[in-house]
Amino acid sequence: MNKLGMNLFAWTMTMDEQLVDTLSFLKTSGFDFVEIPVSEPNMSQPDTRKWQRIGQQLRELNLNAQACAICGPEYNLISSEEAVRQAGVTYLKQMVDHAQALGATILMGPLYAGFKTFEGRPATEQEWAWSVAGMREVAEHAQTRGVMLAMEYLNRFETYLLTCTDDLVRYVTAVDHPNCGAAFDTFHANLEEKNVADAIRQVAPYLVHVQISENDRSTPGQGHIDFDTVFATFDEVGYDGPIAIEAFGPNPPELAAATHIFRPMFSSPEQLATDGLAFIRSELAKERKRVALTS
C-alpha cells in the first residue's frame, strides 16, 4: 500500500519550526508523511538540533517524514574545482544527517550536480565520473545513517547531467551502492520522455520514491498529464513505495523565481493539498477496481 505525502515547497524553501499548524493540517487531511526540504545555511556550525526538534513535532502528530535537498553551485559535484566538489560531498553528508534527525528514511532530489548550474554544453565523462565517485562516498555515509538516497533527474532547463530515465538508470547503476536508488517525477518525465509508461518500466527496479507533479506544477489531475497511464504502470511494475505531491506557487518568492512561477497556480496550498490527495486516492482506487475486475 503506497504511503501518500505532500512536499512542503508549496509553503517554504527553508524549513522553520513555525509550520506546526501546516503539519497538523496535513495530518488531519489524511497524509501519511511530509516531504521536507533540508538545508544548512551555516556549514561551519550545522544545526542538526533544529531538525531533531522538527522531527519531534512530526512524531507528536504521528506524521512520517521524507527529506529532499538541492545543491547550489558552491556544492556542485561536477565542478572543475576539487574544493567545490569536496564541499558538495561534505554538504550532502550533512543533509543525510539532517534527514536522519528528522526521522526520514529517504533523502531525494537532484543531488548529483549543482541546481541550474550550466556550462553551455553536454556533460563530459569527467564530470560524470566526479559525480559518481562523490555520490558513492555520500551513499556510504547514508548507509551508516539508515537513509536511502533517491536520485531525481530534472528537465534540461534545470540541469545537464541527468535529464531522462536513461541517464538516471545509468547513473544509479554506476554508483552501484545499495543506498543509492531512483526517484521519478511526473513533471520532468512529461517534458523529457518519449513514452512515460516505458520510462516507469525502465526505472522500476531502482525506484524508491515518486513525486506526482502536474504539467504546470500545480494541482495534480487539473492539467494534461495522463495520470491514468502513470498509475496503471505503477501498478503494473508493482511499485508500492511512497508517493508525494510536489507543486509550486508564488510563495516563497525565491522558489517561485527558481521555478519560474509568474501567475497564481492554485487558490491556496491547503486547497491544492486536499484536491491533490483526493485525486491520487481516486487514481489508486481506480487501479484496484480495474485489477479486481480483470482477476
C-alpha atoms as a PDB file:
ATOM      1  CA  MET A   1       0.000   0.000   0.000  1.00  0.00           C
ATOM      2  CA  ASN A   2       1.543   3.310  -1.086  1.00  0.00           C
ATOM      3  CA  LYS A   3       2.073   5.932   1.605  1.00  0.00           C
ATOM      4  CA  LEU A   4       0.941   9.378   0.427  1.00  0.00           C
ATOM      5  CA  GLY A   5       2.722  12.621   1.236  1.00  0.00           C
ATOM      6  CA  MET A   6       2.948  16.333   0.493  1.00  0.00           C
ATOM      7  CA  ASN A   7       6.080  18.273  -0.363  1.00  0.00           C
ATOM      8  CA  LEU A   8       6.391  21.456   1.706  1.00  0.00           C
ATOM      9  CA  PHE A   9       7.789  23.560  -1.160  1.00  0.00           C
ATOM     10  CA  ALA A  10       4.258  24.922  -1.571  1.00  0.00           C
ATOM     11  CA  TRP A  11       4.816  26.663   1.786  1.00  0.00           C
ATOM     12  CA  THR A  12       8.555  27.041   2.305  1.00  0.00           C
ATOM     13  CA  MET A  13      12.000  26.564   0.805  1.00  0.00           C
ATOM     14  CA  THR A  14      13.899  26.775   4.090  1.00  0.00           C
ATOM     15  CA  MET A  15      12.004  24.790   6.692  1.00  0.00           C
ATOM     16  CA  ASP A  16      11.443  26.511  10.023  1.00  0.00           C
ATOM     17  CA  GLU A  17       9.815  25.379  13.235  1.00  0.00           C
ATOM     18  CA  GLN A  18       6.736  27.610  12.909  1.00  0.00           C
ATOM     19  CA  LEU A  19       4.895  25.323  10.485  1.00  0.00           C
ATOM     20  CA  VAL A  20       3.280  23.154  13.126  1.00  0.00           C
ATOM     21  CA  ASP A  21      -0.197  24.331  12.060  1.00  0.00           C
ATOM     22  CA  THR A  22       0.569  23.316   8.490  1.00  0.00           C
ATOM     23  CA  LEU A  23       1.872  19.943   9.608  1.00  0.00           C
ATOM     24  CA  SER A  24      -1.213  19.430  11.734  1.00  0.00           C
ATOM     25  CA  PHE A  25      -3.450  20.356   8.769  1.00  0.00           C
ATOM     26  CA  LEU A  26      -1.689  17.818   6.528  1.00  0.00           C
ATOM     27  CA  LYS A  27      -2.079  15.081   9.122  1.00  0.00           C
ATOM     28  CA  THR A  28      -5.768  15.890   9.626  1.00  0.00           C
ATOM     29  CA  SER A  29      -6.248  15.924   5.833  1.00  0.00           C
ATOM     30  CA  GLY A  30      -5.092  12.313   5.651  1.00  0.00           C
ATOM     31  CA  PHE A  31      -1.475  12.460   4.529  1.00  0.00           C
ATOM     32  CA  ASP A  32       0.872   9.753   5.782  1.00  0.00           C
ATOM     33  CA  PHE A  33       4.063  11.804   5.502  1.00  0.00           C
ATOM     34  CA  VAL A  34       5.503  15.168   4.543  1.00  0.00           C
ATOM     35  CA  GLU A  35       8.437  15.730   2.229  1.00  0.00           C
ATOM     36  CA  ILE A  36      10.638  18.257   3.981  1.00  0.00           C
ATOM     37  CA  PRO A  37      13.325  20.394   2.294  1.00  0.00           C
ATOM     38  CA  VAL A  38      16.529  20.184   4.295  1.00  0.00           C
ATOM     39  CA  SER A  39      19.337  22.713   4.003  1.00  0.00           C
ATOM     40  CA  GLU A  40      22.142  24.217   6.036  1.00  0.00           C
ATOM     41  CA  PRO A  41      22.957  27.945   5.757  1.00  0.00           C
ATOM     42  CA  ASN A  42      25.993  27.672   8.028  1.00  0.00           C
ATOM     43  CA  MET A  43      28.146  24.653   7.298  1.00  0.00           C
ATOM     44  CA  SER A  44      30.739  25.801   9.825  1.00  0.00           C
ATOM     45  CA  GLN A  45      28.152  25.263  12.600  1.00  0.00           C
ATOM     46  CA  PRO A  46      25.487  22.862  11.312  1.00  0.00           C
ATOM     47  CA  ASP A  47      22.278  22.895  13.342  1.00  0.00           C
ATOM     48  CA  THR A  48      21.132  19.287  13.465  1.00  0.00           C
ATOM     49  CA  ARG A  49      19.173  20.006  16.654  1.00  0.00           C
ATOM     50  CA  LYS A  50      16.709  22.099  14.619  1.00  0.00           C
ATOM     51  CA  TRP A  51      15.835  19.041  12.546  1.00  0.00           C
ATOM     52  CA  GLN A  52      15.566  16.921  15.664  1.00  0.00           C
ATOM     53  CA  ARG A  53      13.003  19.388  17.059  1.00  0.00           C
ATOM     54  CA  ILE A  54      11.008  19.312  13.823  1.00  0.00           C
ATOM     55  CA  GLY A  55      11.211  15.524  13.876  1.00  0.00           C
ATOM     56  CA  GLN A  56       9.769  15.556  17.388  1.00  0.00           C
ATOM     57  CA  GLN A  57       6.881  17.740  16.189  1.00  0.00           C
ATOM     58  CA  LEU A  58       6.191  15.177  13.483  1.00  0.00           C
ATOM     59  CA  ARG A  59       6.250  12.277  15.930  1.00  0.00           C
ATOM     60  CA  GLU A  60       3.805  14.085  18.199  1.00  0.00           C
ATOM     61  CA  LEU A  61       1.462  14.377  15.207  1.00  0.00           C
ATOM     62  CA  ASN A  62       2.093  10.757  14.199  1.00  0.00           C
ATOM     63  CA  LEU A  63       3.217  12.077  10.818  1.00  0.00           C
ATOM     64  CA  ASN A  64       6.142  10.486   8.967  1.00  0.00           C
ATOM     65  CA  ALA A  65       8.803  12.359   7.006  1.00  0.00           C
ATOM     66  CA  GLN A  66      10.940  12.094   3.925  1.00  0.00           C
ATOM     67  CA  ALA A  67      13.595  14.662   3.049  1.00  0.00           C
ATOM     68  CA  CYS A  68      14.598  16.449  -0.130  1.00  0.00           C
ATOM     69  CA  ALA A  69      17.524  18.703  -0.971  1.00  0.00           C
ATOM     70  CA  ILE A  70      19.217  20.586  -3.770  1.00  0.00           C
ATOM     71  CA  CYS A  71      22.826  21.691  -4.119  1.00  0.00           C
ATOM     72  CA  GLY A  72      23.780  25.243  -5.023  1.00  0.00           C
ATOM     73  CA  PRO A  73      26.759  25.953  -7.293  1.00  0.00           C
ATOM     74  CA  GLU A  74      29.035  26.099  -4.250  1.00  0.00           C
ATOM     75  CA  TYR A  75      28.284  22.399  -3.621  1.00  0.00           C
ATOM     76  CA  ASN A  76      28.405  21.202  -7.209  1.00  0.00           C
ATOM     77  CA  LEU A  77      29.700  17.616  -7.506  1.00  0.00           C
ATOM     78  CA  ILE A  78      30.694  18.205 -11.140  1.00  0.00           C
ATOM     79  CA  SER A  79      32.602  21.442 -10.625  1.00  0.00           C
ATOM     80  CA  SER A  80      36.043  21.655 -12.216  1.00  0.00           C
ATOM     81  CA  GLU A  81      37.304  22.826  -8.817  1.00  0.00           C
ATOM     82  CA  GLU A  82      38.182  19.992  -6.457  1.00  0.00           C
ATOM     83  CA  ALA A  83      37.438  22.135  -3.391  1.00  0.00           C
ATOM     84  CA  VAL A  84      33.872  22.738  -4.610  1.00  0.00           C
ATOM     85  CA  ARG A  85      33.345  19.030  -5.287  1.00  0.00           C
ATOM     86  CA  GLN A  86      34.591  18.119  -1.817  1.00  0.00           C
ATOM     87  CA  ALA A  87      32.379  20.804  -0.297  1.00  0.00           C
ATOM     88  CA  GLY A  88      29.482  19.160  -2.130  1.00  0.00           C
ATOM     89  CA  VAL A  89      30.248  15.769  -0.620  1.00  0.00           C
ATOM     90  CA  THR A  90      30.518  17.309   2.850  1.00  0.00           C
ATOM     91  CA  TYR A  91      27.241  19.203   2.357  1.00  0.00           C
ATOM     92  CA  LEU A  92      25.357  16.119   1.185  1.00  0.00           C
ATOM     93  CA  LYS A  93      26.621  14.101   4.142  1.00  0.00           C
ATOM     94  CA  GLN A  94      25.233  16.851   6.368  1.00  0.00           C
ATOM     95  CA  MET A  95      21.882  16.657   4.550  1.00  0.00           C
ATOM     96  CA  VAL A  96      21.875  12.921   5.276  1.00  0.00           C
ATOM     97  CA  ASP A  97      22.446  13.691   8.958  1.00  0.00           C
ATOM     98  CA  HIS A  98      19.592  16.210   8.909  1.00  0.00           C
ATOM     99  CA  ALA A  99      17.331  13.631   7.262  1.00  0.00           C
ATOM    100  CA  GLN A 100      18.181  11.117   9.974  1.00  0.00           C
ATOM    101  CA  ALA A 101      17.485  13.742  12.649  1.00  0.00           C
ATOM    102  CA  LEU A 102      14.013  14.259  11.144  1.00  0.00           C
ATOM    103  CA  GLY A 103      13.363  10.539  11.221  1.00  0.00           C
ATOM    104  CA  ALA A 104      13.357  10.372   7.413  1.00  0.00           C
ATOM    105  CA  THR A 105      14.464   7.200   5.665  1.00  0.00           C
ATOM    106  CA  ILE A 106      14.778   8.809   2.206  1.00  0.00           C
ATOM    107  CA  LEU A 107      16.731  11.852   1.018  1.00  0.00           C
ATOM    108  CA  MET A 108      15.728  12.644  -2.560  1.00  0.00           C
ATOM    109  CA  GLY A 109      16.485  15.272  -5.165  1.00  0.00           C
ATOM    110  CA  PRO A 110      18.971  16.242  -7.898  1.00  0.00           C
ATOM    111  CA  LEU A 111      21.866  15.684  -5.524  1.00  0.00           C
ATOM    112  CA  TYR A 112      24.364  14.765  -8.249  1.00  0.00           C
ATOM    113  CA  ALA A 113      25.094  18.324  -9.522  1.00  0.00           C
ATOM    114  CA  GLY A 114      24.523  21.998  -8.805  1.00  0.00           C
ATOM    115  CA  PHE A 115      20.942  23.087  -9.451  1.00  0.00           C
ATOM    116  CA  LYS A 116      20.703  25.335 -12.518  1.00  0.00           C
ATOM    117  CA  THR A 117      24.477  25.306 -12.895  1.00  0.00           C
ATOM    118  CA  PHE A 118      25.329  25.084 -16.602  1.00  0.00           C
ATOM    119  CA  GLU A 119      28.387  25.115 -18.843  1.00  0.00           C
ATOM    120  CA  GLY A 120      26.567  25.529 -22.159  1.00  0.00           C
ATOM    121  CA  ARG A 121      27.440  22.028 -23.370  1.00  0.00           C
ATOM    122  CA  PRO A 122      26.622  18.377 -22.615  1.00  0.00           C
ATOM    123  CA  ALA A 123      28.149  16.739 -19.564  1.00  0.00           C
ATOM    124  CA  THR A 124      31.607  15.278 -20.010  1.00  0.00           C
ATOM    125  CA  GLU A 125      32.751  11.831 -18.973  1.00  0.00           C
ATOM    126  CA  GLN A 126      34.990  13.511 -16.395  1.00  0.00           C
ATOM    127  CA  GLU A 127      32.028  15.330 -14.841  1.00  0.00           C
ATOM    128  CA  TRP A 128      30.096  12.080 -14.798  1.00  0.00           C
ATOM    129  CA  ALA A 129      32.982  10.295 -13.067  1.00  0.00           C
ATOM    130  CA  TRP A 130      33.349  13.071 -10.480  1.00  0.00           C
ATOM    131  CA  SER A 131      29.663  12.917  -9.604  1.00  0.00           C
ATOM    132  CA  VAL A 132      29.536   9.118  -9.419  1.00  0.00           C
ATOM    133  CA  ALA A 133      32.591   8.982  -7.144  1.00  0.00           C
ATOM    134  CA  GLY A 134      31.238  11.707  -4.876  1.00  0.00           C
ATOM    135  CA  MET A 135      27.791  10.127  -4.665  1.00  0.00           C
ATOM    136  CA  ARG A 136      29.240   6.744  -3.806  1.00  0.00           C
ATOM    137  CA  GLU A 137      31.013   8.372  -0.839  1.00  0.00           C
ATOM    138  CA  VAL A 138      27.749  10.035   0.232  1.00  0.00           C
ATOM    139  CA  ALA A 139      25.896   6.725  -0.131  1.00  0.00           C
ATOM    140  CA  GLU A 140      28.441   5.028   2.144  1.00  0.00           C
ATOM    141  CA  HIS A 141      27.666   7.665   4.765  1.00  0.00           C
ATOM    142  CA  ALA A 142      23.926   7.340   4.187  1.00  0.00           C
ATOM    143  CA  GLN A 143      24.136   3.610   4.829  1.00  0.00           C
ATOM    144  CA  THR A 144      25.532   4.267   8.299  1.00  0.00           C
ATOM    145  CA  ARG A 145      22.576   6.579   8.996  1.00  0.00           C
ATOM    146  CA  GLY A 146      19.831   4.328   7.676  1.00  0.00           C
ATOM    147  CA  VAL A 147      18.967   6.778   4.873  1.00  0.00           C
ATOM    148  CA  MET A 148      18.278   5.878   1.227  1.00  0.00           C
ATOM    149  CA  LEU A 149      19.388   8.372  -1.429  1.00  0.00           C
ATOM    150  CA  ALA A 150      16.875   8.804  -4.265  1.00  0.00           C
ATOM    151  CA  MET A 151      18.309  10.451  -7.386  1.00  0.00           C
ATOM    152  CA  GLU A 152      15.834  12.630  -9.296  1.00  0.00           C
ATOM    153  CA  TYR A 153      16.542  13.626 -12.876  1.00  0.00           C
ATOM    154  CA  LEU A 154      15.413  17.113 -13.904  1.00  0.00           C
ATOM    155  CA  ASN A 155      14.436  18.649 -17.210  1.00  0.00           C
ATOM    156  CA  ARG A 156      17.040  20.221 -19.473  1.00  0.00           C
ATOM    157  CA  PHE A 157      16.304  23.749 -18.176  1.00  0.00           C
ATOM    158  CA  GLU A 158      17.365  22.842 -14.623  1.00  0.00           C
ATOM    159  CA  THR A 159      20.372  20.549 -15.043  1.00  0.00           C
ATOM    160  CA  TYR A 160      22.508  18.971 -17.728  1.00  0.00           C
ATOM    161  CA  LEU A 161      23.869  15.825 -16.056  1.00  0.00           C
ATOM    162  CA  LEU A 162      20.725  13.692 -15.647  1.00  0.00           C
ATOM    163  CA  THR A 163      17.747  14.725 -17.796  1.00  0.00           C
ATOM    164  CA  CYS A 164      15.916  11.465 -18.562  1.00  0.00           C
ATOM    165  CA  THR A 165      15.379   7.926 -17.345  1.00  0.00           C
ATOM    166  CA  ASP A 166      18.225   6.577 -19.498  1.00  0.00           C
ATOM    167  CA  ASP A 167      20.627   8.921 -17.663  1.00  0.00           C
ATOM    168  CA  LEU A 168      19.122   8.105 -14.275  1.00  0.00           C
ATOM    169  CA  VAL A 169      19.377   4.332 -14.623  1.00  0.00           C
ATOM    170  CA  ARG A 170      22.926   4.567 -15.962  1.00  0.00           C
ATOM    171  CA  TYR A 171      23.880   6.810 -13.026  1.00  0.00           C
ATOM    172  CA  VAL A 172      22.380   4.669 -10.267  1.00  0.00           C
ATOM    173  CA  THR A 173      23.960   1.601 -11.862  1.00  0.00           C
ATOM    174  CA  ALA A 174      27.340   3.360 -11.966  1.00  0.00           C
ATOM    175  CA  VAL A 175      27.173   4.441  -8.306  1.00  0.00           C
ATOM    176  CA  ASP A 176      26.398   0.796  -7.561  1.00  0.00           C
ATOM    177  CA  HIS A 177      25.514   1.172  -3.892  1.00  0.00           C
ATOM    178  CA  PRO A 178      22.524  -0.303  -2.023  1.00  0.00           C
ATOM    179  CA  ASN A 179      21.739   3.124  -0.526  1.00  0.00           C
ATOM    180  CA  CYS A 180      21.512   4.901  -3.877  1.00  0.00           C
ATOM    181  CA  GLY A 181      18.203   4.460  -5.685  1.00  0.00           C
ATOM    182  CA  ALA A 182      15.988   6.406  -8.071  1.00  0.00           C
ATOM    183  CA  ALA A 183      13.122   8.884  -7.780  1.00  0.00           C
ATOM    184  CA  PHE A 184      10.600   9.605 -10.531  1.00  0.00           C
ATOM    185  CA  ASP A 185       8.898  12.983 -11.024  1.00  0.00           C
ATOM    186  CA  THR A 186       5.988  13.159 -13.472  1.00  0.00           C
ATOM    187  CA  PHE A 187       6.611  16.846 -14.303  1.00  0.00           C
ATOM    188  CA  HIS A 188      10.118  16.221 -15.609  1.00  0.00           C
ATOM    189  CA  ALA A 189       9.055  12.982 -17.312  1.00  0.00           C
ATOM    190  CA  ASN A 190       6.271  14.861 -19.098  1.00  0.00           C
ATOM    191  CA  LEU A 191       8.906  17.155 -20.626  1.00  0.00           C
ATOM    192  CA  GLU A 192      11.703  14.710 -21.358  1.00  0.00           C
ATOM    193  CA  GLU A 193      10.354  11.193 -22.020  1.00  0.00           C
ATOM    194  CA  LYS A 194       9.060   9.961 -25.365  1.00  0.00           C
ATOM    195  CA  ASN A 195       6.909   7.389 -23.547  1.00  0.00           C
ATOM    196  CA  VAL A 196       6.270   7.882 -19.816  1.00  0.00           C
ATOM    197  CA  ALA A 197       4.989   4.336 -19.269  1.00  0.00           C
ATOM    198  CA  ASP A 198       8.149   2.868 -20.788  1.00  0.00           C
ATOM    199  CA  ALA A 199      10.238   5.190 -18.613  1.00  0.00           C
ATOM    200  CA  ILE A 200       8.483   3.910 -15.472  1.00  0.00           C
ATOM    201  CA  ARG A 201       9.070   0.314 -16.550  1.00  0.00           C
ATOM    202  CA  GLN A 202      12.753   1.076 -17.137  1.00  0.00           C
ATOM    203  CA  VAL A 203      13.334   2.740 -13.763  1.00  0.00           C
ATOM    204  CA  ALA A 204      11.154   0.319 -11.777  1.00  0.00           C
ATOM    205  CA  PRO A 205      13.984  -1.938 -10.487  1.00  0.00           C
ATOM    206  CA  TYR A 206      15.672   1.098  -8.889  1.00  0.00           C
ATOM    207  CA  LEU A 207      12.599   3.128  -7.893  1.00  0.00           C
ATOM    208  CA  VAL A 208      12.248   4.118  -4.222  1.00  0.00           C
ATOM    209  CA  HIS A 209      10.306   7.398  -4.393  1.00  0.00           C
ATOM    210  CA  VAL A 210       7.736   9.085  -6.642  1.00  0.00           C
ATOM    211  CA  GLN A 211       6.675  12.708  -6.963  1.00  0.00           C
ATOM    212  CA  ILE A 212       3.326  13.429  -8.593  1.00  0.00           C
ATOM    213  CA  SER A 213       3.507  16.827 -10.266  1.00  0.00           C
ATOM    214  CA  GLU A 214       1.238  18.281 -12.938  1.00  0.00           C
ATOM    215  CA  ASN A 215       2.471  19.671 -16.264  1.00  0.00           C
ATOM    216  CA  ASP A 216       2.123  23.256 -14.943  1.00  0.00           C
ATOM    217  CA  ARG A 217       3.420  22.298 -11.481  1.00  0.00           C
ATOM    218  CA  SER A 218       0.042  22.976  -9.868  1.00  0.00           C
ATOM    219  CA  THR A 219      -2.768  20.661  -8.722  1.00  0.00           C
ATOM    220  CA  PRO A 220      -2.409  17.028  -9.879  1.00  0.00           C
ATOM    221  CA  GLY A 221      -5.325  15.994 -12.074  1.00  0.00           C
ATOM    222  CA  GLN A 222      -6.074  19.509 -13.311  1.00  0.00           C
ATOM    223  CA  GLY A 223      -3.608  19.539 -16.200  1.00  0.00           C
ATOM    224  CA  HIS A 224      -2.869  17.353 -19.199  1.00  0.00           C
ATOM    225  CA  ILE A 225      -0.593  14.618 -17.822  1.00  0.00           C
ATOM    226  CA  ASP A 226      -2.072  11.171 -18.488  1.00  0.00           C
ATOM    227  CA  PHE A 227      -2.204  10.038 -14.884  1.00  0.00           C
ATOM    228  CA  ASP A 228      -4.437   7.067 -15.730  1.00  0.00           C
ATOM    229  CA  THR A 229      -1.490   5.592 -17.629  1.00  0.00           C
ATOM    230  CA  VAL A 230       1.010   6.685 -14.963  1.00  0.00           C
ATOM    231  CA  PHE A 231      -0.834   4.930 -12.137  1.00  0.00           C
ATOM    232  CA  ALA A 232      -1.671   1.888 -14.262  1.00  0.00           C
ATOM    233  CA  THR A 233       2.036   1.487 -14.978  1.00  0.00           C
ATOM    234  CA  PHE A 234       2.989   1.892 -11.317  1.00  0.00           C
ATOM    235  CA  ASP A 235       0.535  -0.931 -10.612  1.00  0.00           C
ATOM    236  CA  GLU A 236       1.938  -2.997 -13.472  1.00  0.00           C
ATOM    237  CA  VAL A 237       5.505  -2.804 -12.141  1.00  0.00           C
ATOM    238  CA  GLY A 238       4.381  -3.372  -8.546  1.00  0.00           C
ATOM    239  CA  TYR A 239       5.505  -0.028  -7.151  1.00  0.00           C
ATOM    240  CA  ASP A 240       4.283   0.185  -3.548  1.00  0.00           C
ATOM    241  CA  GLY A 241       6.619   2.878  -2.225  1.00  0.00           C
ATOM    242  CA  PRO A 242       5.948   6.476  -1.143  1.00  0.00           C
ATOM    243  CA  ILE A 243       4.148   8.927  -3.426  1.00  0.00           C
ATOM    244  CA  ALA A 244       4.386  12.670  -2.734  1.00  0.00           C
ATOM    245  CA  ILE A 245       2.651  15.645  -4.326  1.00  0.00           C
ATOM    246  CA  GLU A 246       5.084  18.349  -5.443  1.00  0.00           C
ATOM    247  CA  ALA A 247       3.776  21.729  -6.559  1.00  0.00           C
ATOM    248  CA  PHE A 248       4.961  25.325  -6.647  1.00  0.00           C
ATOM    249  CA  GLY A 249       3.213  28.655  -6.191  1.00  0.00           C
ATOM    250  CA  PRO A 250       4.096  32.348  -5.814  1.00  0.00           C
ATOM    251  CA  ASN A 251       5.494  31.794  -2.314  1.00  0.00           C
ATOM    252  CA  PRO A 252       8.166  31.634  -1.166  1.00  0.00           C
ATOM    253  CA  PRO A 253       9.364  34.257  -3.702  1.00  0.00           C
ATOM    254  CA  GLU A 254      12.876  32.825  -4.085  1.00  0.00           C
ATOM    255  CA  LEU A 255      11.456  29.424  -5.007  1.00  0.00           C
ATOM    256  CA  ALA A 256       8.875  30.953  -7.347  1.00  0.00           C
ATOM    257  CA  ALA A 257      11.745  32.721  -9.123  1.00  0.00           C
ATOM    258  CA  ALA A 258      13.745  29.490  -9.389  1.00  0.00           C
ATOM    259  CA  THR A 259      10.782  27.556 -10.805  1.00  0.00           C
ATOM    260  CA  HIS A 260       9.537  30.452 -12.993  1.00  0.00           C
ATOM    261  CA  ILE A 261       6.099  30.724 -11.440  1.00  0.00           C
ATOM    262  CA  PHE A 262       4.740  34.096 -12.597  1.00  0.00           C
ATOM    263  CA  ARG A 263       0.994  33.670 -12.023  1.00  0.00           C
ATOM    264  CA  PRO A 264      -1.205  32.122  -9.321  1.00  0.00           C
ATOM    265  CA  MET A 265      -1.345  28.370  -9.848  1.00  0.00           C
ATOM    266  CA  PHE A 266      -3.951  27.497  -7.184  1.00  0.00           C
ATOM    267  CA  SER A 267      -6.144  29.271  -4.638  1.00  0.00           C
ATOM    268  CA  SER A 268      -4.074  28.123  -1.657  1.00  0.00           C
ATOM    269  CA  PRO A 269      -1.522  25.422  -0.861  1.00  0.00           C
ATOM    270  CA  GLU A 270      -4.053  23.878   1.500  1.00  0.00           C
ATOM    271  CA  GLN A 271      -6.628  23.586  -1.301  1.00  0.00           C
ATOM    272  CA  LEU A 272      -4.000  22.125  -3.612  1.00  0.00           C
ATOM    273  CA  ALA A 273      -3.035  19.555  -0.990  1.00  0.00           C
ATOM    274  CA  THR A 274      -6.572  18.350  -0.321  1.00  0.00           C
ATOM    275  CA  ASP A 275      -7.557  18.310  -4.016  1.00  0.00           C
ATOM    276  CA  GLY A 276      -4.322  16.543  -4.971  1.00  0.00           C
ATOM    277  CA  LEU A 277      -4.724  13.922  -2.262  1.00  0.00           C
ATOM    278  CA  ALA A 278      -8.306  13.197  -3.331  1.00  0.00           C
ATOM    279  CA  PHE A 279      -7.146  12.836  -6.934  1.00  0.00           C
ATOM    280  CA  ILE A 280      -4.336  10.396  -6.108  1.00  0.00           C
ATOM    281  CA  ARG A 281      -6.651   8.332  -3.923  1.00  0.00           C
ATOM    282  CA  SER A 282      -9.152   8.178  -6.786  1.00  0.00           C
ATOM    283  CA  GLU A 283      -6.438   7.008  -9.199  1.00  0.00           C
ATOM    284  CA  LEU A 284      -5.267   4.307  -6.795  1.00  0.00           C
ATOM    285  CA  ALA A 285      -8.865   3.176  -6.197  1.00  0.00           C
ATOM    286  CA  LYS A 286      -9.447   3.078  -9.945  1.00  0.00           C
ATOM    287  CA  GLU A 287      -6.462   0.762 -10.329  1.00  0.00           C
ATOM    288  CA  ARG A 288      -7.617  -1.512  -7.520  1.00  0.00           C
ATOM    289  CA  LYS A 289     -11.043  -1.769  -9.175  1.00  0.00           C
ATOM    290  CA  ARG A 290      -9.518  -2.497 -12.572  1.00  0.00           C
ATOM    291  CA  VAL A 291      -7.321  -5.232 -11.131  1.00  0.00           C
ATOM    292  CA  ALA A 292     -10.286  -6.771  -9.289  1.00  0.00           C
ATOM    293  CA  LEU A 293     -12.357  -6.838 -12.478  1.00  0.00           C
ATOM    294  CA  THR A 294      -9.597  -8.488 -14.506  1.00  0.00           C
ATOM    295  CA  SER A 295      -8.516 -11.050 -11.910  1.00  0.00           C
END
